[in-house]
Amino acid sequence: MTDALLDTAAAAYIDPSAQLYGRVTLGEGSSVWCNAVMRSEAAYITIGAFTNVQDFVMVHTDPGGPVVVGTHCS
């Protein structure tokens, strides 16, 4: 994980190989798995409680276009 302004709830898991950049918020019990990349230099990314971002997923934002994933999503 590098260069992230991270707001992480207790019990959120970030795999050591995941890369997070910019403004990322992870909800309670959420997880980011192997080799996932989250790039939020242009807007924020919010991942809801008990949601997982699985292996090799790429999430990125455009200016004025945040990404919000709800709770209990996979």
Protein backbone atom coordinates (compact mmCIF):
# COMPACT_ATOMS: atom_id res chain seq x y z
CA MET A 1 0.00 0.00 0.00
CA THR A 2 1.48 3.34 -0.99
CA ASP A 3 0.53 6.99 -1.13
CA ALA A 4 -3.01 6.63 0.27
CA LEU A 5 -4.88 9.03 2.51
CA LEU A 6 -6.60 6.07 4.12
CA ASP A 7 -9.58 6.06 6.48
CA THR A 8 -9.88 2.47 7.65
CA ALA A 9 -12.41 1.08 10.10
CA ALA A 10 -11.36 -1.46 12.69
CA ALA A 11 -11.10 -4.99 11.37
CA ALA A 12 -10.70 -3.95 7.71
CA TYR A 13 -8.08 -6.06 5.91
CA ILE A 14 -5.66 -4.88 3.21
CA ASP A 15 -3.50 -7.55 1.59
CA PRO A 16 0.20 -6.57 1.50
CA SER A 17 0.23 -6.81 -2.32
CA ALA A 18 -2.74 -4.42 -2.78
CA GLN A 19 -1.96 -0.87 -3.95
CA LEU A 20 -4.06 2.07 -2.75
CA TYR A 21 -3.49 5.64 -3.98
CA GLY A 22 -5.32 8.85 -3.09
CA ARG A 23 -8.41 9.11 -0.84
CA VAL A 24 -9.78 5.69 0.12
CA THR A 25 -12.27 4.86 2.89
CA LEU A 26 -12.80 1.25 3.95
CA GLY A 27 -15.80 0.25 6.09
CA GLU A 28 -15.87 -2.11 9.04
CA GLY A 29 -15.07 -5.70 8.12
CA SER A 30 -14.20 -4.80 4.52
CA SER A 31 -11.22 -6.27 2.69
CA VAL A 32 -8.94 -5.54 -0.26
CA TRP A 33 -7.28 -8.66 -1.65
CA CYS A 34 -4.20 -9.75 -3.61
CA ASN A 35 -2.92 -7.36 -6.28
CA ALA A 36 -6.04 -5.16 -6.23
CA VAL A 37 -5.35 -1.54 -7.22
CA MET A 38 -7.45 1.42 -6.07
CA ARG A 39 -6.56 4.80 -7.64
CA SER A 40 -8.43 7.79 -6.33
CA GLU A 41 -6.24 10.76 -7.21
CA ALA A 42 -9.14 12.59 -8.93
CA ALA A 43 -12.01 11.85 -6.48
CA TYR A 44 -12.61 9.59 -3.49
CA ILE A 45 -13.29 5.84 -3.21
CA THR A 46 -15.56 4.53 -0.45
CA ILE A 47 -15.94 0.81 0.21
CA GLY A 48 -18.86 -0.10 2.49
CA ALA A 49 -18.89 -2.35 5.54
CA PHE A 50 -18.40 -6.09 4.99
CA THR A 51 -17.56 -5.57 1.31
CA ASN A 52 -14.57 -7.12 -0.45
CA VAL A 53 -12.48 -5.96 -3.39
CA GLN A 54 -11.21 -9.22 -4.81
CA ASP A 55 -7.94 -10.31 -6.44
CA PHE A 56 -6.66 -8.22 -9.38
CA VAL A 57 -9.56 -5.74 -9.30
CA MET A 58 -8.78 -2.22 -10.60
CA VAL A 59 -10.86 0.67 -9.24
CA HIS A 60 -10.15 4.23 -10.38
CA THR A 61 -11.89 7.60 -10.41
CA ASP A 62 -12.31 10.47 -12.84
CA PRO A 63 -12.45 14.14 -11.80
CA GLY A 64 -15.80 14.72 -10.12
CA GLY A 65 -16.67 11.02 -10.34
CA PRO A 66 -16.18 9.27 -7.00
CA VAL A 67 -16.62 5.51 -6.61
CA VAL A 68 -18.93 4.29 -3.84
CA VAL A 69 -19.47 0.57 -3.28
CA GLY A 70 -22.22 -0.27 -0.77
CA THR A 71 -22.28 -2.67 2.16
CA HIS A 72 -22.19 -6.47 1.88
CA CYS A 73 -20.92 -6.42 -1.74
CA SER A 74 -18.43 -8.70 -3.43
